[in-house]
Amino acid sequence: MKVVSIIGARPQFIKCAPVSCALRKVAREVVVHTGQHYDDRMSGVFFRELGIADPDYHLGVGSGPHGQQTGDMLKGVEAILLKEVPEVVLVYGDTNSTLAGALAAVKLHVPVAHVEAGLRSFNRRMPEEINRVVTDQLSALLLCPTETAVENLRREGVTDGVHLVGDVMYDALLDSVERAQQTSTILERLGVKPQGYLLATVHRADNTDRFTNLDGILSALNRLAGPDRMIVFPVHPRTRKQLESMSFQCSPYLLLLDPVPYLDMVRLERHAYAIVTDSGGIQKEAYWLGVPCITLREETEWVETVTSGWNCLVGAASDRIVSAVCAAKPGRIEGWPYSRGEASMSVAQRIAAFASDRMTAGAVSSR
């Protein structure tokens, strides 16, 4: 069995690491990197730290408007699928790489397996939401991280090929958290102490490309930063560009960094007093690490983190952000229903079983 895995952005590299390890025990995997994230700090370093095999193909698409970027990926992926002729195409999450991979595969009648199927924020302004919905409609195998995701698909009339497998990012985090503690020196290099800083990330277009939103977020961070509460802020390239155009003047206690490697980020998350973010993946990692999360959005696809009381949705209003951070209290999360490695192995087994069933059905029909 041959599986072509499509990846292109930081969150997909993280998810791919444990899944690829499990998948290669049962299949031949061909990895295609679209180049959606192309900076070494957002791409190459993740392959090295997470032990992901070098991609078999690298499209080098880079950044650009959604239509142009997705179209360039679609063209490149299609050519690879025609050459490789896989039994299954595996896509992750909700990026333009995900959508391009699914579209290229389904037009060539190659079944699509979607990891993180069924997630919904119900905000169609987000390009990620459109990518999720369309990819799920195209997929033959829908691998869901939560019961909520399964229910979302059921409400949309999608029940065939749906499987609850757990969250592969949980596997990635558990594989990395102790290694990060042993090898990362990020806290020492920055001169911050455990529980003595906030961690902030901002990258979604709704926040970076809307002046009112970004201004509210930056105002809150400046208000929160102080000698007793440093703020560590790894800045996404999109956000950095906007900060420069705004001539943003930041507090001396607000540390603006270039994007950091995964192990450094895991250590920063683990020891933060609280995390302020608009990232989906970091919301979950904060939950698993027992670090309060203040999410700079009005909705989230990871509703379990909110219903548990661990994640607070505040949008981009400065006062709401400041109030939520001041109310945050670190603690512990109990009762996550999956064990280490379970989700990734389940993904691999579901794909192998699906491909085997199709081959058997094809052999029978040809008699």
Protein backbone atom coordinates (compact mmCIF):
# COMPACT_ATOMS: atom_id res chain seq x y z
CA MET A 1 0.00 0.00 0.00
CA LYS A 2 1.26 3.45 -0.93
CA VAL A 3 0.07 6.60 0.87
CA VAL A 4 0.92 10.12 -0.26
CA SER A 5 0.93 12.52 2.69
CA ILE A 6 0.43 16.22 1.94
CA ILE A 7 1.93 18.70 4.40
CA GLY A 8 2.93 22.34 4.12
CA ALA A 9 2.54 24.30 7.36
CA ARG A 10 3.94 24.17 10.89
CA PRO A 11 0.91 22.45 12.53
CA GLN A 12 0.97 19.74 9.87
CA PHE A 13 4.64 18.99 10.48
CA ILE A 14 3.84 18.44 14.16
CA LYS A 15 0.89 16.15 13.39
CA CYS A 16 2.79 14.28 10.71
CA ALA A 17 5.65 13.26 13.01
CA PRO A 18 3.83 10.62 15.12
CA VAL A 19 1.48 9.58 12.32
CA SER A 20 4.32 9.01 9.84
CA CYS A 21 6.11 6.85 12.40
CA ALA A 22 3.02 4.66 12.81
CA LEU A 23 2.06 4.70 9.14
CA ARG A 24 5.45 3.50 7.90
CA LYS A 25 4.94 0.27 9.85
CA VAL A 26 2.03 -0.67 7.60
CA ALA A 27 2.52 1.27 4.35
CA ARG A 28 4.96 2.97 2.03
CA GLU A 29 4.61 6.70 2.66
CA VAL A 30 5.51 9.39 0.12
CA VAL A 31 5.70 12.85 1.72
CA VAL A 32 4.88 15.97 -0.30
CA HIS A 33 5.81 19.35 1.20
CA THR A 34 3.91 22.11 -0.59
CA GLY A 35 6.18 24.85 0.74
CA GLN A 36 3.29 26.83 2.25
CA HIS A 37 5.59 27.50 5.19
CA TYR A 38 9.03 27.88 3.62
CA ASP A 39 11.14 29.81 6.16
CA ASP A 40 13.54 27.39 7.89
CA ARG A 41 12.24 28.61 11.28
CA MET A 42 8.71 27.59 10.25
CA SER A 43 9.63 24.46 8.29
CA GLY A 44 13.07 22.85 8.18
CA VAL A 45 13.71 23.04 11.91
CA PHE A 46 10.54 21.06 12.58
CA PHE A 47 11.68 18.21 10.34
CA ARG A 48 15.00 18.08 12.17
CA GLU A 49 13.61 18.29 15.70
CA LEU A 50 10.67 15.93 15.16
CA GLY A 51 12.65 13.35 13.23
CA ILE A 52 10.46 13.57 10.11
CA ALA A 53 11.97 12.06 6.99
CA ASP A 54 12.96 14.58 4.34
CA PRO A 55 10.07 15.14 1.92
CA ASP A 56 10.11 13.06 -1.23
CA TYR A 57 8.82 16.11 -3.08
CA HIS A 58 9.04 19.82 -2.27
CA LEU A 59 6.82 22.09 -4.36
CA GLY A 60 8.28 25.36 -3.03
CA VAL A 61 5.00 27.21 -3.53
CA GLY A 62 5.60 29.87 -0.87
CA SER A 63 3.18 32.60 0.13
CA GLY A 64 0.63 34.46 -1.98
CA PRO A 65 -3.11 35.13 -2.29
CA HIS A 66 -5.30 32.15 -1.38
CA GLY A 67 -6.38 31.40 -4.94
CA GLN A 68 -2.90 31.62 -6.42
CA GLN A 69 -1.32 29.59 -3.62
CA THR A 70 -3.96 26.86 -3.69
CA GLY A 71 -3.87 26.70 -7.50
CA ASP A 72 -0.09 26.32 -7.59
CA MET A 73 -0.31 23.55 -5.01
CA LEU A 74 -3.12 21.82 -6.89
CA LYS A 75 -1.08 21.74 -10.09
CA GLY A 76 2.02 20.39 -8.32
CA VAL A 77 0.22 17.75 -6.26
CA GLU A 78 -1.74 16.50 -9.28
CA ALA A 79 1.47 15.83 -11.21
CA ILE A 80 2.91 13.88 -8.27
CA LEU A 81 -0.22 11.76 -7.84
CA LEU A 82 -0.24 10.88 -11.52
CA LYS A 83 3.35 9.70 -11.14
CA GLU A 84 3.05 7.90 -7.78
CA VAL A 85 -0.48 6.37 -8.19
CA PRO A 86 -1.15 5.95 -4.43
CA GLU A 87 -4.00 3.98 -2.84
CA VAL A 88 -4.74 6.86 -0.42
CA VAL A 89 -3.90 10.56 -0.08
CA LEU A 90 -3.54 11.72 3.53
CA VAL A 91 -4.19 15.36 4.46
CA TYR A 92 -4.09 17.15 7.80
CA GLY A 93 -6.09 19.95 9.35
CA ASP A 94 -7.37 23.02 7.54
CA THR A 95 -4.72 24.84 5.50
CA ASN A 96 -4.58 25.60 1.79
CA SER A 97 -2.24 22.60 1.49
CA THR A 98 -5.03 20.43 2.91
CA LEU A 99 -7.57 21.71 0.41
CA ALA A 100 -5.22 21.44 -2.57
CA GLY A 101 -4.24 17.89 -1.67
CA ALA A 102 -7.86 16.81 -1.30
CA LEU A 103 -8.96 18.46 -4.55
CA ALA A 104 -6.10 16.99 -6.56
CA ALA A 105 -6.77 13.51 -5.19
CA VAL A 106 -10.53 13.40 -5.62
CA LYS A 107 -10.35 14.66 -9.23
CA LEU A 108 -8.06 11.69 -9.95
CA HIS A 109 -10.40 9.31 -8.06
CA VAL A 110 -7.86 8.68 -5.30
CA PRO A 111 -9.51 8.33 -1.85
CA VAL A 112 -8.73 11.07 0.68
CA ALA A 113 -8.10 10.44 4.39
CA HIS A 114 -8.51 13.58 6.51
CA VAL A 115 -6.88 13.82 9.94
CA GLU A 116 -8.79 16.29 12.16
CA ALA A 117 -12.02 15.85 10.23
CA GLY A 118 -15.23 17.33 11.63
CA LEU A 119 -13.81 20.40 13.36
CA ARG A 120 -16.00 23.47 13.07
CA SER A 121 -15.71 27.03 14.35
CA PHE A 122 -18.91 28.01 12.45
CA ASN A 123 -17.17 31.19 11.33
CA ARG A 124 -17.11 31.24 7.53
CA ARG A 125 -14.92 34.38 7.55
CA MET A 126 -12.03 32.10 8.43
CA PRO A 127 -10.37 30.54 5.38
CA GLU A 128 -9.55 27.56 7.60
CA GLU A 129 -13.26 26.89 8.12
CA ILE A 130 -13.91 26.77 4.36
CA ASN A 131 -10.96 24.43 3.91
CA ARG A 132 -12.27 22.11 6.65
CA VAL A 133 -15.80 21.91 5.32
CA VAL A 134 -14.79 21.31 1.71
CA THR A 135 -12.12 18.74 2.60
CA ASP A 136 -14.58 16.77 4.73
CA GLN A 137 -17.05 16.66 1.85
CA LEU A 138 -14.32 15.28 -0.42
CA SER A 139 -12.91 12.71 2.01
CA ALA A 140 -13.62 8.99 2.03
CA LEU A 141 -12.00 8.45 5.43
CA LEU A 142 -12.76 11.06 8.10
CA LEU A 143 -10.50 10.67 11.14
CA CYS A 144 -11.95 12.72 13.99
CA PRO A 145 -10.13 13.89 17.12
CA THR A 146 -13.21 14.31 19.36
CA GLU A 147 -16.82 13.20 19.81
CA THR A 148 -17.84 16.77 19.00
CA ALA A 149 -16.20 16.46 15.59
CA VAL A 150 -18.08 13.22 14.91
CA GLU A 151 -21.35 14.93 15.87
CA ASN A 152 -20.61 17.92 13.64
CA LEU A 153 -20.27 15.59 10.66
CA ARG A 154 -23.43 13.70 11.59
CA ARG A 155 -25.40 16.97 11.62
CA GLU A 156 -24.08 17.66 8.11
CA GLY A 157 -25.22 14.23 6.94
CA VAL A 158 -21.73 12.72 6.84
CA THR A 159 -21.57 9.33 8.55
CA ASP A 160 -19.83 6.93 6.14
CA GLY A 161 -16.11 6.51 6.74
CA VAL A 162 -16.21 8.52 10.00
CA HIS A 163 -13.98 7.26 12.82
CA LEU A 164 -13.11 8.68 16.24
CA VAL A 165 -9.34 8.20 16.54
CA GLY A 166 -8.21 10.79 19.10
CA ASP A 167 -5.86 13.72 18.66
CA VAL A 168 -2.50 13.11 17.02
CA MET A 169 -1.15 16.40 18.43
CA TYR A 170 -1.45 14.82 21.87
CA ASP A 171 0.94 12.12 20.71
CA ALA A 172 3.33 14.74 19.32
CA LEU A 173 3.28 16.74 22.55
CA LEU A 174 3.91 13.74 24.79
CA ASP A 175 6.73 12.62 22.52
CA SER A 176 8.36 16.05 22.89
CA VAL A 177 7.65 17.56 26.29
CA GLU A 178 10.38 15.82 28.28
CA ARG A 179 12.88 16.15 25.44
CA ALA A 180 12.12 19.86 25.37
CA GLN A 181 12.75 20.11 29.10
CA GLN A 182 16.11 18.38 28.74
CA THR A 183 17.40 20.08 25.59
CA SER A 184 15.78 23.51 25.24
CA THR A 185 17.57 26.48 26.83
CA ILE A 186 15.02 29.07 25.71
CA LEU A 187 14.08 30.24 29.23
CA GLU A 188 17.70 30.74 30.18
CA ARG A 189 18.49 32.57 26.95
CA LEU A 190 15.57 34.94 27.47
CA GLY A 191 16.23 35.40 31.17
CA VAL A 192 12.71 34.39 32.26
CA LYS A 193 11.68 32.06 35.06
CA PRO A 194 8.93 29.41 35.16
CA GLN A 195 5.54 31.02 35.92
CA GLY A 196 7.16 34.46 35.58
CA TYR A 197 5.98 35.28 32.07
CA LEU A 198 3.06 35.18 29.69
CA LEU A 199 3.39 33.56 26.26
CA ALA A 200 1.66 35.27 23.33
CA THR A 201 1.12 34.28 19.69
CA VAL A 202 -0.90 36.07 17.00
CA HIS A 203 -1.08 34.90 13.40
CA ARG A 204 -4.66 34.59 12.10
CA ALA A 205 -5.60 36.95 9.30
CA ASP A 206 -8.68 38.18 11.17
CA ASN A 207 -6.35 39.58 13.82
CA THR A 208 -3.26 40.52 11.83
CA ASP A 209 -5.00 42.12 8.86
CA ARG A 210 -7.65 44.11 10.72
CA PHE A 211 -6.10 47.19 12.33
CA THR A 212 -8.71 47.45 15.11
CA ASN A 213 -8.13 43.87 16.19
CA LEU A 214 -4.35 43.97 16.10
CA ASP A 215 -4.28 47.33 17.85
CA GLY A 216 -6.51 46.01 20.65
CA ILE A 217 -4.33 42.94 21.13
CA LEU A 218 -1.07 44.90 21.15
CA SER A 219 -2.52 47.46 23.55
CA ALA A 220 -3.46 44.67 25.94
CA LEU A 221 0.00 43.09 25.77
CA ASN A 222 1.65 46.42 26.49
CA ARG A 223 -0.68 46.95 29.47
CA LEU A 224 0.03 43.46 30.82
CA ALA A 225 3.81 43.57 30.42
CA GLY A 226 5.86 44.62 33.42
CA PRO A 227 8.96 43.82 35.47
CA ASP A 228 7.07 41.11 37.36
CA ARG A 229 5.30 39.74 34.30
CA MET A 230 7.34 39.58 31.12
CA ILE A 231 5.57 38.67 27.90
CA VAL A 232 7.33 36.36 25.46
CA PHE A 233 5.95 36.94 21.95
CA PRO A 234 7.31 34.79 19.07
CA VAL A 235 6.17 36.82 16.07
CA HIS A 236 4.76 35.15 12.96
CA PRO A 237 6.15 36.64 9.69
CA ARG A 238 2.68 37.95 8.76
CA THR A 239 2.37 39.65 12.13
CA ARG A 240 5.90 41.07 11.95
CA LYS A 241 5.07 42.74 8.65
CA GLN A 242 2.01 44.40 10.17
CA LEU A 243 3.91 45.57 13.25
CA GLU A 244 6.45 47.28 11.03
CA SER A 245 3.76 49.04 9.02
CA MET A 246 2.14 50.27 12.26
CA SER A 247 5.43 51.50 13.74
CA PHE A 248 4.42 49.69 16.92
CA GLN A 249 6.18 50.86 20.09
CA CYS A 250 6.30 47.97 22.54
CA SER A 251 6.95 47.87 26.25
CA PRO A 252 10.53 46.91 27.23
CA TYR A 253 8.94 43.97 29.06
CA LEU A 254 7.33 42.67 25.87
CA LEU A 255 9.94 40.44 24.20
CA LEU A 256 9.42 40.18 20.44
CA LEU A 257 11.15 37.07 19.07
CA ASP A 258 11.52 35.45 15.68
CA PRO A 259 9.52 32.19 15.36
CA VAL A 260 11.02 29.54 17.65
CA PRO A 261 11.62 25.81 17.05
CA TYR A 262 9.03 23.32 18.30
CA LEU A 263 10.95 22.12 21.34
CA ASP A 264 11.58 25.69 22.47
CA MET A 265 7.88 26.43 22.00
CA VAL A 266 6.84 23.39 24.03
CA ARG A 267 9.10 24.46 26.89
CA LEU A 268 7.77 28.03 26.73
CA GLU A 269 4.19 26.74 26.84
CA ARG A 270 4.86 24.33 29.69
CA HIS A 271 6.29 26.97 32.02
CA ALA A 272 4.13 29.99 31.14
CA TYR A 273 1.82 31.51 33.73
CA ALA A 274 -0.79 31.76 30.97
CA ILE A 275 -0.93 31.76 27.17
CA VAL A 276 -2.58 34.42 24.99
CA THR A 277 -3.09 33.09 21.46
CA ASP A 278 -5.28 32.78 18.38
CA SER A 279 -3.76 29.40 17.44
CA GLY A 280 -5.89 26.27 17.41
CA GLY A 281 -3.06 23.90 18.23
CA ILE A 282 -1.72 25.96 21.12
CA GLN A 283 -5.19 26.01 22.71
CA LYS A 284 -5.00 22.22 22.94
CA GLU A 285 -1.39 22.10 24.08
CA ALA A 286 -2.18 24.59 26.85
CA TYR A 287 -5.09 22.38 27.93
CA TRP A 288 -2.94 19.25 28.09
CA LEU A 289 -0.11 21.07 29.88
CA GLY A 290 -2.44 22.62 32.46
CA VAL A 291 -1.68 26.20 31.45
CA PRO A 292 -4.59 28.70 31.30
CA CYS A 293 -5.33 29.84 27.75
CA ILE A 294 -6.84 33.17 26.69
CA THR A 295 -7.92 32.85 23.05
CA LEU A 296 -8.02 35.94 20.85
CA ARG A 297 -11.10 34.78 18.98
CA GLU A 298 -14.86 34.80 19.51
CA GLU A 299 -15.20 31.10 18.70
CA THR A 300 -13.09 27.95 18.59
CA GLU A 301 -13.19 24.59 16.89
CA TRP A 302 -11.81 23.07 20.11
CA VAL A 303 -14.93 23.56 22.21
CA GLU A 304 -13.85 20.98 24.80
CA THR A 305 -11.14 23.33 26.03
CA VAL A 306 -13.79 25.98 26.72
CA THR A 307 -16.46 23.76 28.30
CA SER A 308 -13.80 22.40 30.66
CA GLY A 309 -13.26 25.97 31.90
CA TRP A 310 -9.65 25.95 30.77
CA ASN A 311 -9.87 28.18 27.72
CA CYS A 312 -11.41 31.67 27.69
CA LEU A 313 -12.57 33.25 24.41
CA VAL A 314 -12.05 37.01 24.52
CA GLY A 315 -11.75 38.27 20.94
CA ALA A 316 -9.46 41.23 20.34
CA ALA A 317 -10.82 43.81 22.80
CA SER A 318 -8.04 45.10 25.03
CA ASP A 319 -10.04 45.26 28.27
CA ARG A 320 -11.38 41.71 27.85
CA ILE A 321 -7.89 40.35 27.25
CA VAL A 322 -6.44 42.09 30.30
CA SER A 323 -9.30 40.98 32.57
CA ALA A 324 -9.02 37.35 31.44
CA VAL A 325 -5.27 37.24 32.01
CA CYS A 326 -5.64 38.75 35.47
CA ALA A 327 -8.24 36.10 36.35
CA ALA A 328 -6.18 33.16 35.05
CA LYS A 329 -5.16 30.51 37.55
CA PRO A 330 -2.78 27.64 36.64
CA GLY A 331 -3.82 24.11 37.59
CA ARG A 332 -4.09 20.58 36.25
CA ILE A 333 -6.31 18.77 33.76
CA GLU A 334 -7.47 15.25 34.50
CA GLY A 335 -9.27 12.65 32.46
CA TRP A 336 -8.01 12.96 28.86
CA PRO A 337 -9.39 9.69 27.45
CA TYR A 338 -6.47 8.69 25.21
CA SER A 339 -3.07 7.22 25.92
CA ARG A 340 0.21 8.12 24.29
CA GLY A 341 0.49 6.99 20.67
CA GLU A 342 -3.08 5.72 20.49
CA ALA A 343 -4.37 8.31 17.99
CA SER A 344 -1.48 7.96 15.55
CA MET A 345 -1.66 4.18 15.55
CA SER A 346 -5.42 4.33 15.07
CA VAL A 347 -4.96 6.62 12.03
CA ALA A 348 -2.47 4.19 10.47
CA GLN A 349 -4.67 1.17 11.16
CA ARG A 350 -7.79 2.83 9.75
CA ILE A 351 -5.98 3.78 6.56
CA ALA A 352 -4.53 0.27 6.17
CA ALA A 353 -7.94 -1.36 6.75
CA PHE A 354 -9.61 1.04 4.31
CA ALA A 355 -7.07 0.33 1.57
CA SER A 356 -7.28 -3.42 2.18
CA ASP A 357 -11.08 -3.38 1.93
CA ARG A 358 -10.91 -1.46 -1.35
CA MET A 359 -8.38 -3.86 -2.83
CA THR A 360 -10.52 -6.84 -1.78
CA ALA A 361 -13.64 -5.27 -3.23
CA GLY A 362 -11.81 -4.51 -6.48
CA ALA A 363 -10.53 -8.08 -6.77
CA VAL A 364 -14.05 -9.48 -6.25
CA SER A 365 -15.65 -7.11 -8.76
CA SER A 366 -13.09 -8.00 -11.43
CA ARG A 367 -13.93 -11.73 -11.32
